[in-house]
């Protein structure tokens, strides 16, 4: 199983079919996901220190637009390889009451993969 490491946070294993946002939240990482993992709000942003995937969903690519390459959307990434990430938006640093609705187990919208 791939190992996910969080800067200044935990290190854990995740199934390759697990969405990164879910793996992070399920392992106690403080991360926002206000739209419920639908590539709409960009609050689940992460930066990669290592292990960034070379594929991306069209939904993520469209949402990032001119910010492409600065960060990624954890709701659109599968834990297919070892990676080290830093969440950008955290519930504890916001004025919100909750992180957002739990994302579905599968990537939404239905992924169409492209190469980065």
Protein backbone atom coordinates (compact mmCIF):
# COMPACT_ATOMS: atom_id res chain seq x y z
CA UNK A 1 0.00 0.00 0.00
CA UNK A 2 1.21 3.53 -0.72
CA UNK A 3 2.46 5.66 2.18
CA UNK A 4 1.03 9.16 2.56
CA UNK A 5 3.09 11.65 4.57
CA UNK A 6 1.78 15.01 5.71
CA UNK A 7 4.19 17.86 6.39
CA UNK A 8 4.06 18.49 10.16
CA UNK A 9 1.49 15.70 10.42
CA UNK A 10 0.97 11.96 10.33
CA UNK A 11 2.30 9.31 8.01
CA UNK A 12 -0.05 6.46 7.09
CA UNK A 13 -0.84 3.87 4.45
CA UNK A 14 -3.83 4.15 2.12
CA UNK A 15 -5.44 1.92 -0.48
CA UNK A 16 -4.54 2.96 -4.02
CA UNK A 17 -8.24 3.44 -4.83
CA UNK A 18 -8.80 5.91 -1.96
CA UNK A 19 -9.26 9.60 -2.71
CA UNK A 20 -6.51 11.65 -1.08
CA UNK A 21 -8.99 13.98 0.65
CA UNK A 22 -10.68 11.01 2.35
CA UNK A 23 -7.37 9.40 3.33
CA UNK A 24 -6.25 12.68 4.89
CA UNK A 25 -9.46 13.26 6.83
CA UNK A 26 -9.76 9.64 7.96
CA UNK A 27 -6.25 9.84 9.38
CA UNK A 28 -6.88 12.98 11.43
CA UNK A 29 -5.52 15.58 9.02
CA UNK A 30 -7.21 18.96 9.37
CA UNK A 31 -8.32 19.82 5.81
CA UNK A 32 -11.32 21.62 4.33
CA UNK A 33 -13.51 20.18 1.55
CA UNK A 34 -16.47 22.56 1.45
CA UNK A 35 -18.04 21.31 -1.82
CA UNK A 36 -17.96 17.68 -0.75
CA UNK A 37 -15.21 16.65 -3.13
CA UNK A 38 -16.73 17.77 -6.43
CA UNK A 39 -13.85 19.92 -7.76
CA UNK A 40 -15.86 23.12 -7.32
CA UNK A 41 -14.58 25.07 -4.31
CA UNK A 42 -10.80 24.33 -4.23
CA UNK A 43 -10.69 24.31 -0.40
CA UNK A 44 -9.10 20.82 -0.42
CA UNK A 45 -5.91 22.17 -2.01
CA UNK A 46 -2.59 20.53 -1.24
CA UNK A 47 0.96 21.13 -2.35
CA UNK A 48 3.26 18.22 -3.07
CA UNK A 49 6.70 17.82 -1.56
CA UNK A 50 7.09 14.44 -3.31
CA UNK A 51 5.09 11.88 -5.25
CA UNK A 52 2.81 14.11 -7.31
CA UNK A 53 0.80 12.13 -9.82
CA UNK A 54 1.38 12.89 -13.49
CA UNK A 55 -2.31 12.46 -14.25
CA UNK A 56 -5.20 14.76 -13.44
CA UNK A 57 -8.93 14.80 -13.97
CA UNK A 58 -10.33 17.22 -16.52
CA UNK A 59 -12.48 18.69 -13.71
CA UNK A 60 -9.35 19.50 -11.68
CA UNK A 61 -7.56 20.92 -14.71
CA UNK A 62 -10.53 23.17 -15.53
CA UNK A 63 -10.92 24.34 -11.92
CA UNK A 64 -7.22 25.14 -11.44
CA UNK A 65 -6.97 27.06 -14.73
CA UNK A 66 -4.14 29.58 -14.52
CA UNK A 67 -3.12 28.21 -11.09
CA UNK A 68 -2.16 24.89 -12.66
CA UNK A 69 1.14 23.74 -11.19
CA UNK A 70 0.83 25.72 -7.94
CA UNK A 71 -1.28 23.19 -6.05
CA UNK A 72 -3.60 20.22 -6.58
CA UNK A 73 -7.12 19.31 -5.44
CA UNK A 74 -6.97 16.39 -3.02
CA UNK A 75 -10.54 15.42 -3.94
CA UNK A 76 -9.37 14.59 -7.48
CA UNK A 77 -6.31 12.50 -6.59
CA UNK A 78 -6.08 8.79 -5.85
CA UNK A 79 -3.49 7.47 -3.39
CA UNK A 80 -1.79 5.40 -6.11
CA UNK A 81 1.80 6.01 -5.02
CA UNK A 82 3.80 7.25 -2.04
CA UNK A 83 3.38 10.99 -1.59
CA UNK A 84 4.22 13.82 0.79
CA UNK A 85 1.68 16.66 0.88
CA UNK A 86 0.86 19.86 2.74
CA UNK A 87 -2.82 20.86 3.10
CA UNK A 88 -3.35 24.55 2.36
CA UNK A 89 -6.75 25.26 3.94
CA UNK A 90 -7.44 23.88 7.41
CA UNK A 91 -10.66 23.91 9.40
CA UNK A 92 -8.77 24.99 12.53
CA UNK A 93 -7.56 28.13 10.73
CA UNK A 94 -11.01 29.04 9.40
CA UNK A 95 -14.14 30.46 10.98
CA UNK A 96 -16.22 27.54 9.70
CA UNK A 97 -18.06 25.05 11.91
CA UNK A 98 -17.14 21.96 9.89
CA UNK A 99 -14.83 20.88 7.07
CA UNK A 100 -17.70 20.30 4.65
CA UNK A 101 -19.81 17.30 3.60
CA UNK A 102 -17.93 14.02 3.41
CA UNK A 103 -16.85 13.35 -0.18
CA UNK A 104 -18.10 10.24 -1.94
CA UNK A 105 -15.76 7.25 -1.95
CA UNK A 106 -15.28 7.57 -5.72
CA UNK A 107 -14.03 10.65 -7.57
CA UNK A 108 -16.80 13.03 -8.56
CA UNK A 109 -17.61 14.18 -11.13
CA UNK A 110 -16.86 10.98 -13.07
CA UNK A 111 -13.14 11.34 -13.87
CA UNK A 112 -11.78 11.84 -17.35
CA UNK A 113 -8.01 11.52 -16.95
CA UNK A 114 -5.40 13.70 -18.66
CA UNK A 115 -1.61 13.84 -18.38
CA UNK A 116 0.00 16.80 -16.60
